[in-house]
């Protein structure tokens, strides 16, 4: 199965459709009057659909086992067909569209099995996904954003040439994967004055986003928070908490990080861990949804 451990947990919803067409009006009447020999077509097929949704991963090899929170199965009886809609909800790392489509197909197949003794013309058609929501595409920014991004690596060993930078390169690559580009990349030692001077220079140059990696731990040379916090006009505790919560699910040491996020003017500053894994996971924790902040700065009002 595909590795989804890097994904954040969100509420996922999907609705799928299937249509069962019958060969005569008498079949529809039998369904309505509950006179089909094999039993109550709607209730039996609904039950089969509930089992199918919950057991999708047992039938389709690459599907992940899902903590299904809700399944709703609705029927619309038309003149010569039954329209089936299956809605599935879960709070998880991956979507539930396959679960919804699997449920709809099994509902339809169960109806077919129950109706075929009285109608040789019954058929299944139009199994499809109607809509889904809750994934990365819903919480990111759909339109292309023109942001000026800077990456700062705070590390004595990297600045002195004793160690190769990896965390900054990981951040840069993730920024590129978001359709953005890094216009400035710099390496500086763990000195408060150097960090503050570099941040102020980037802010003067109207950078939209400054991502700092390194110096957020608890050693004597980890001074990035001490340098960044006095410069901020507004801290954003929710983002800091999201980064640590995400990391804590993956390593017990994440709670020791002192990541800092906030605005200096209209420049968003993020101070992330210096380890490659810590930087990568911190980016996964809050991107692309954090880019929504720049829509808010430009007057986005959530549809009010």
Protein backbone atom coordinates (compact mmCIF):
# COMPACT_ATOMS: atom_id res chain seq x y z
CA UNK A 1 0.00 0.00 0.00
CA UNK A 2 1.03 3.61 -0.53
CA UNK A 3 2.74 5.21 2.48
CA UNK A 4 0.33 7.79 3.95
CA UNK A 5 2.04 8.30 7.30
CA UNK A 6 3.14 11.81 6.29
CA UNK A 7 -0.43 12.99 5.72
CA UNK A 8 -2.39 14.98 8.27
CA UNK A 9 -5.68 13.68 9.67
CA UNK A 10 -8.78 15.50 8.41
CA UNK A 11 -12.46 14.75 8.02
CA UNK A 12 -13.01 13.00 4.69
CA UNK A 13 -16.36 12.72 2.92
CA UNK A 14 -17.32 11.06 -0.36
CA UNK A 15 -20.59 10.30 -2.13
CA UNK A 16 -20.89 7.67 -4.85
CA UNK A 17 -23.75 6.68 -7.13
CA UNK A 18 -24.96 3.48 -8.76
CA UNK A 19 -28.07 2.89 -10.86
CA UNK A 20 -30.03 -0.33 -11.14
CA UNK A 21 -32.27 -0.43 -14.21
CA UNK A 22 -35.23 -2.82 -14.31
CA UNK A 23 -36.96 -4.41 -17.30
CA UNK A 24 -40.61 -3.75 -16.45
CA UNK A 25 -42.87 -1.57 -14.26
CA UNK A 26 -43.93 -4.75 -12.44
CA UNK A 27 -40.44 -5.04 -10.97
CA UNK A 28 -40.63 -1.53 -9.55
CA UNK A 29 -44.03 -2.34 -8.05
CA UNK A 30 -42.62 -5.48 -6.45
CA UNK A 31 -39.85 -3.42 -4.85
CA UNK A 32 -42.33 -0.80 -3.61
CA UNK A 33 -44.83 -3.37 -2.32
CA UNK A 34 -42.14 -5.57 -0.77
CA UNK A 35 -43.29 -8.63 -2.70
CA UNK A 36 -39.93 -9.73 -4.14
CA UNK A 37 -39.53 -13.43 -3.21
CA UNK A 38 -36.02 -13.02 -1.82
CA UNK A 39 -37.12 -10.35 0.68
CA UNK A 40 -37.07 -6.60 1.22
CA UNK A 41 -34.80 -5.43 -1.59
CA UNK A 42 -34.03 -2.00 -0.20
CA UNK A 43 -33.23 -3.06 3.37
CA UNK A 44 -31.24 -6.15 2.42
CA UNK A 45 -29.16 -4.23 -0.12
CA UNK A 46 -28.67 -1.38 2.37
CA UNK A 47 -27.30 -3.86 4.90
CA UNK A 48 -24.98 -5.36 2.30
CA UNK A 49 -23.75 -1.87 1.45
CA UNK A 50 -22.91 -1.12 5.09
CA UNK A 51 -20.84 -4.28 5.34
CA UNK A 52 -19.16 -3.51 2.02
CA UNK A 53 -18.06 -0.03 3.06
CA UNK A 54 -16.50 -1.31 6.29
CA UNK A 55 -14.72 -4.17 4.51
CA UNK A 56 -13.39 -2.35 1.45
CA UNK A 57 -9.76 -2.95 2.42
CA UNK A 58 -10.44 -6.70 2.57
CA UNK A 59 -11.62 -6.68 -1.05
CA UNK A 60 -9.34 -4.14 -2.74
CA UNK A 61 -5.64 -4.82 -2.06
CA UNK A 62 -4.25 -1.28 -2.07
CA UNK A 63 -6.99 0.26 0.08
CA UNK A 64 -6.03 1.14 3.64
CA UNK A 65 -8.17 -0.08 6.55
CA UNK A 66 -10.35 2.89 7.46
CA UNK A 67 -11.99 4.00 10.72
CA UNK A 68 -15.38 4.62 9.09
CA UNK A 69 -17.44 7.06 11.17
CA UNK A 70 -20.59 7.27 9.07
CA UNK A 71 -22.25 5.54 6.13
CA UNK A 72 -25.52 6.75 4.67
CA UNK A 73 -27.34 4.88 1.91
CA UNK A 74 -30.23 6.56 0.10
CA UNK A 75 -32.55 5.27 -2.63
CA UNK A 76 -34.57 7.17 -5.21
CA UNK A 77 -37.12 5.02 -7.03
CA UNK A 78 -37.72 6.24 -10.56
CA UNK A 79 -40.03 4.89 -13.25
CA UNK A 80 -37.65 2.22 -14.53
CA UNK A 81 -34.63 2.39 -12.22
CA UNK A 82 -33.37 2.76 -8.67
CA UNK A 83 -30.86 5.52 -8.01
CA UNK A 84 -28.46 4.61 -5.20
CA UNK A 85 -26.32 7.14 -3.33
CA UNK A 86 -23.78 6.13 -0.69
CA UNK A 87 -22.12 8.75 1.51
CA UNK A 88 -19.15 7.82 3.68
CA UNK A 89 -17.34 9.89 6.31
CA UNK A 90 -14.13 9.26 8.23
CA UNK A 91 -11.53 11.27 10.10
CA UNK A 92 -8.32 9.91 8.66
CA UNK A 93 -5.25 10.49 6.48
CA UNK A 94 -6.71 9.33 3.18
CA UNK A 95 -9.98 9.70 1.29
CA UNK A 96 -13.05 7.49 1.37
CA UNK A 97 -14.12 7.66 -2.28
CA UNK A 98 -13.26 4.00 -2.95
CA UNK A 99 -15.22 2.97 0.13
CA UNK A 100 -18.25 4.92 -1.12
CA UNK A 101 -17.99 3.43 -4.62
CA UNK A 102 -17.48 -0.07 -3.24
CA UNK A 103 -20.56 0.36 -1.07
CA UNK A 104 -22.65 1.63 -4.00
CA UNK A 105 -21.55 -1.24 -6.25
CA UNK A 106 -22.39 -3.89 -3.64
CA UNK A 107 -25.78 -2.31 -2.96
CA UNK A 108 -26.46 -2.47 -6.70
CA UNK A 109 -25.15 -6.03 -7.02
CA UNK A 110 -27.30 -7.18 -4.10
CA UNK A 111 -30.36 -5.64 -5.72
CA UNK A 112 -29.47 -7.38 -8.98
CA UNK A 113 -29.19 -10.73 -7.20
CA UNK A 114 -32.56 -10.29 -5.52
CA UNK A 115 -34.37 -9.09 -8.64
CA UNK A 116 -32.98 -11.44 -11.31
CA UNK A 117 -35.45 -14.26 -10.53
CA UNK A 118 -38.36 -11.98 -11.44
CA UNK A 119 -36.70 -9.75 -14.07
CA UNK A 120 -34.16 -11.05 -16.59
CA UNK A 121 -33.61 -7.54 -17.97
CA UNK A 122 -32.28 -5.97 -14.75
CA UNK A 123 -28.87 -4.34 -15.15
CA UNK A 124 -26.36 -2.21 -13.24
CA UNK A 125 -25.06 1.04 -14.70
CA UNK A 126 -23.32 4.30 -13.88
CA UNK A 127 -21.24 3.52 -10.83
CA UNK A 128 -19.32 6.72 -10.23
CA UNK A 129 -18.03 9.17 -7.66
CA UNK A 130 -20.28 12.21 -7.31
CA UNK A 131 -18.11 14.32 -5.04
CA UNK A 132 -15.53 14.19 -2.29
CA UNK A 133 -13.95 16.63 0.14
CA UNK A 134 -11.46 16.83 2.96
CA UNK A 135 -8.16 16.17 1.21
CA UNK A 136 -5.15 18.36 0.50
CA UNK A 137 -6.86 20.00 -2.47
CA UNK A 138 -9.61 21.35 -0.20
CA UNK A 139 -7.27 22.94 2.34
CA UNK A 140 -4.57 24.24 0.06
CA UNK A 141 -4.64 27.21 -2.27
CA UNK A 142 -5.91 26.26 -5.69
CA UNK A 143 -4.77 29.32 -7.59
CA UNK A 144 -1.09 29.92 -8.29
CA UNK A 145 0.52 32.16 -5.68
CA UNK A 146 3.36 34.55 -6.40
CA UNK A 147 5.20 34.55 -3.08
CA UNK A 148 8.75 35.61 -2.33
CA UNK A 149 10.23 32.85 -0.16
CA UNK A 150 13.51 32.80 1.73
CA UNK A 151 15.16 29.82 3.45
CA UNK A 152 17.59 30.39 6.32
CA UNK A 153 19.82 27.65 7.72
CA UNK A 154 21.02 28.42 11.25
CA UNK A 155 23.91 26.11 12.06
CA UNK A 156 27.44 26.68 13.30
CA UNK A 157 28.67 23.45 11.70
CA UNK A 158 27.08 24.11 8.30
CA UNK A 159 28.22 27.76 8.30
CA UNK A 160 31.81 26.68 9.04
CA UNK A 161 31.75 24.05 6.29
CA UNK A 162 32.07 21.10 8.69
CA UNK A 163 28.67 19.71 7.78
CA UNK A 164 26.51 19.66 4.66
CA UNK A 165 23.08 21.26 4.81
CA UNK A 166 20.26 18.82 4.28
CA UNK A 167 17.32 20.33 6.14
CA UNK A 168 17.37 23.53 4.10
CA UNK A 169 17.47 21.55 0.88
CA UNK A 170 14.50 19.45 1.98
CA UNK A 171 12.53 22.61 2.74
CA UNK A 172 13.49 24.10 -0.63
CA UNK A 173 12.35 20.96 -2.44
CA UNK A 174 9.01 20.94 -0.63
CA UNK A 175 8.48 24.60 -1.48
CA UNK A 176 9.12 23.80 -5.16
CA UNK A 177 6.62 20.92 -4.99
CA UNK A 178 4.00 23.45 -3.89
CA UNK A 179 4.51 25.40 -7.11
CA UNK A 180 6.56 28.11 -5.39
CA UNK A 181 10.22 29.02 -5.67
CA UNK A 182 12.89 29.99 -3.16
CA UNK A 183 14.33 33.36 -4.12
CA UNK A 184 16.88 33.51 -1.29
CA UNK A 185 18.83 30.76 0.46
CA UNK A 186 21.38 31.57 3.14
CA UNK A 187 23.43 29.81 5.80
CA UNK A 188 24.38 31.63 9.02
CA UNK A 189 25.87 30.61 12.38
CA UNK A 190 23.82 30.27 15.56
CA UNK A 191 24.19 33.90 16.64
CA UNK A 192 21.24 36.04 17.73
CA UNK A 193 22.65 39.11 16.01
CA UNK A 194 23.22 37.31 12.72
CA UNK A 195 19.75 35.76 12.77
CA UNK A 196 18.01 39.04 13.52
CA UNK A 197 20.06 40.96 10.97
CA UNK A 198 19.22 38.43 8.24
CA UNK A 199 15.51 38.42 9.12
CA UNK A 200 15.35 42.22 9.10
CA UNK A 201 17.09 42.33 5.73
CA UNK A 202 14.60 39.85 4.25
CA UNK A 203 11.67 41.81 5.67
CA UNK A 204 13.04 45.03 4.21
CA UNK A 205 13.18 43.24 0.85
CA UNK A 206 9.45 42.38 1.20
CA UNK A 207 9.81 38.64 1.56
CA UNK A 208 6.41 37.01 2.06
CA UNK A 209 7.70 33.89 3.79
CA UNK A 210 10.90 33.20 5.71
CA UNK A 211 11.52 29.60 6.73
CA UNK A 212 14.32 29.08 9.24
CA UNK A 213 15.72 25.66 10.05
CA UNK A 214 17.95 25.00 13.04
CA UNK A 215 18.54 26.32 16.54
CA UNK A 216 15.12 25.45 17.98
CA UNK A 217 16.37 22.81 20.42
CA UNK A 218 17.62 23.15 23.99
CA UNK A 219 21.39 23.19 23.68
CA UNK A 220 23.32 26.28 24.71
CA UNK A 221 23.82 27.23 21.06
CA UNK A 222 20.15 26.86 20.11
CA UNK A 223 19.13 30.53 20.10
CA UNK A 224 16.77 30.83 17.14
CA UNK A 225 13.61 31.36 19.27
CA UNK A 226 15.43 34.00 21.36
CA UNK A 227 16.33 35.79 18.13
CA UNK A 228 12.98 35.47 16.38
CA UNK A 229 10.39 36.07 19.11
CA UNK A 230 11.37 39.71 19.89
CA UNK A 231 10.95 40.55 16.19
CA UNK A 232 7.41 39.19 15.85
CA UNK A 233 4.35 41.41 15.88
CA UNK A 234 1.95 38.45 16.09
CA UNK A 235 2.72 34.87 17.03
CA UNK A 236 0.49 32.08 15.73
CA UNK A 237 0.35 29.46 18.51
CA UNK A 238 -1.97 27.18 16.55
CA UNK A 239 0.63 26.55 13.86
CA UNK A 240 3.35 25.95 16.45
CA UNK A 241 1.07 23.46 18.24
CA UNK A 242 0.18 21.70 14.98
CA UNK A 243 3.86 21.22 14.14
CA UNK A 244 4.68 19.76 17.55
CA UNK A 245 1.56 17.58 17.65
CA UNK A 246 2.35 16.14 14.22
CA UNK A 247 5.93 15.48 15.22
CA UNK A 248 4.99 13.94 18.57
CA UNK A 249 2.94 11.31 16.74
CA UNK A 250 6.15 10.26 14.99
CA UNK A 251 8.87 10.69 17.63
CA UNK A 252 8.74 11.25 21.42
CA UNK A 253 11.42 13.92 21.09
CA UNK A 254 9.25 16.40 19.15
CA UNK A 255 8.06 17.94 22.43
CA UNK A 256 11.63 19.19 22.99
CA UNK A 257 11.49 21.42 19.92
CA UNK A 258 10.81 25.14 20.30
CA UNK A 259 9.40 25.90 16.86
CA UNK A 260 8.16 29.47 16.49
CA UNK A 261 5.76 30.91 13.91
CA UNK A 262 4.44 34.42 13.52
CA UNK A 263 4.24 37.62 11.50
CA UNK A 264 6.66 40.51 11.34
CA UNK A 265 4.57 43.00 9.45
CA UNK A 266 3.20 41.01 6.52
CA UNK A 267 6.10 38.57 6.46
CA UNK A 268 5.38 35.11 7.83
CA UNK A 269 8.38 33.73 9.74
CA UNK A 270 8.66 30.04 10.58
CA UNK A 271 11.46 28.69 12.77
CA UNK A 272 11.61 24.91 12.33
CA UNK A 273 13.85 22.14 13.71
CA UNK A 274 17.31 21.67 12.23
CA UNK A 275 17.21 17.92 11.72
CA UNK A 276 16.30 16.75 8.24
CA UNK A 277 13.38 14.67 9.53
CA UNK A 278 12.18 17.43 11.85
CA UNK A 279 12.22 20.03 9.08
CA UNK A 280 10.51 17.70 6.61
CA UNK A 281 7.79 16.65 9.05
CA UNK A 282 7.17 20.25 10.11
CA UNK A 283 6.57 21.21 6.51
CA UNK A 284 4.23 18.25 6.00
CA UNK A 285 2.33 19.20 9.15
CA UNK A 286 1.18 22.63 7.97
CA UNK A 287 1.62 22.92 4.21
CA UNK A 288 -0.20 23.61 1.96
CA UNK A 289 -2.96 24.78 4.33
CA UNK A 290 -0.74 27.45 5.88
CA UNK A 291 -0.72 29.27 2.53
CA UNK A 292 -4.33 30.22 3.26
CA UNK A 293 -2.86 32.91 5.52
CA UNK A 294 -1.79 34.89 2.48
CA UNK A 295 -5.35 34.86 1.14
CA UNK A 296 -6.49 36.27 4.48
CA UNK A 297 -3.88 39.03 4.26
CA UNK A 298 -5.31 39.91 0.84
CA UNK A 299 -8.83 40.29 2.21
CA UNK A 300 -10.32 36.80 1.86
CA UNK A 301 -13.39 36.67 4.12
CA UNK A 302 -14.41 32.97 4.18
CA UNK A 303 -17.50 33.70 2.12
CA UNK A 304 -19.09 36.05 4.66
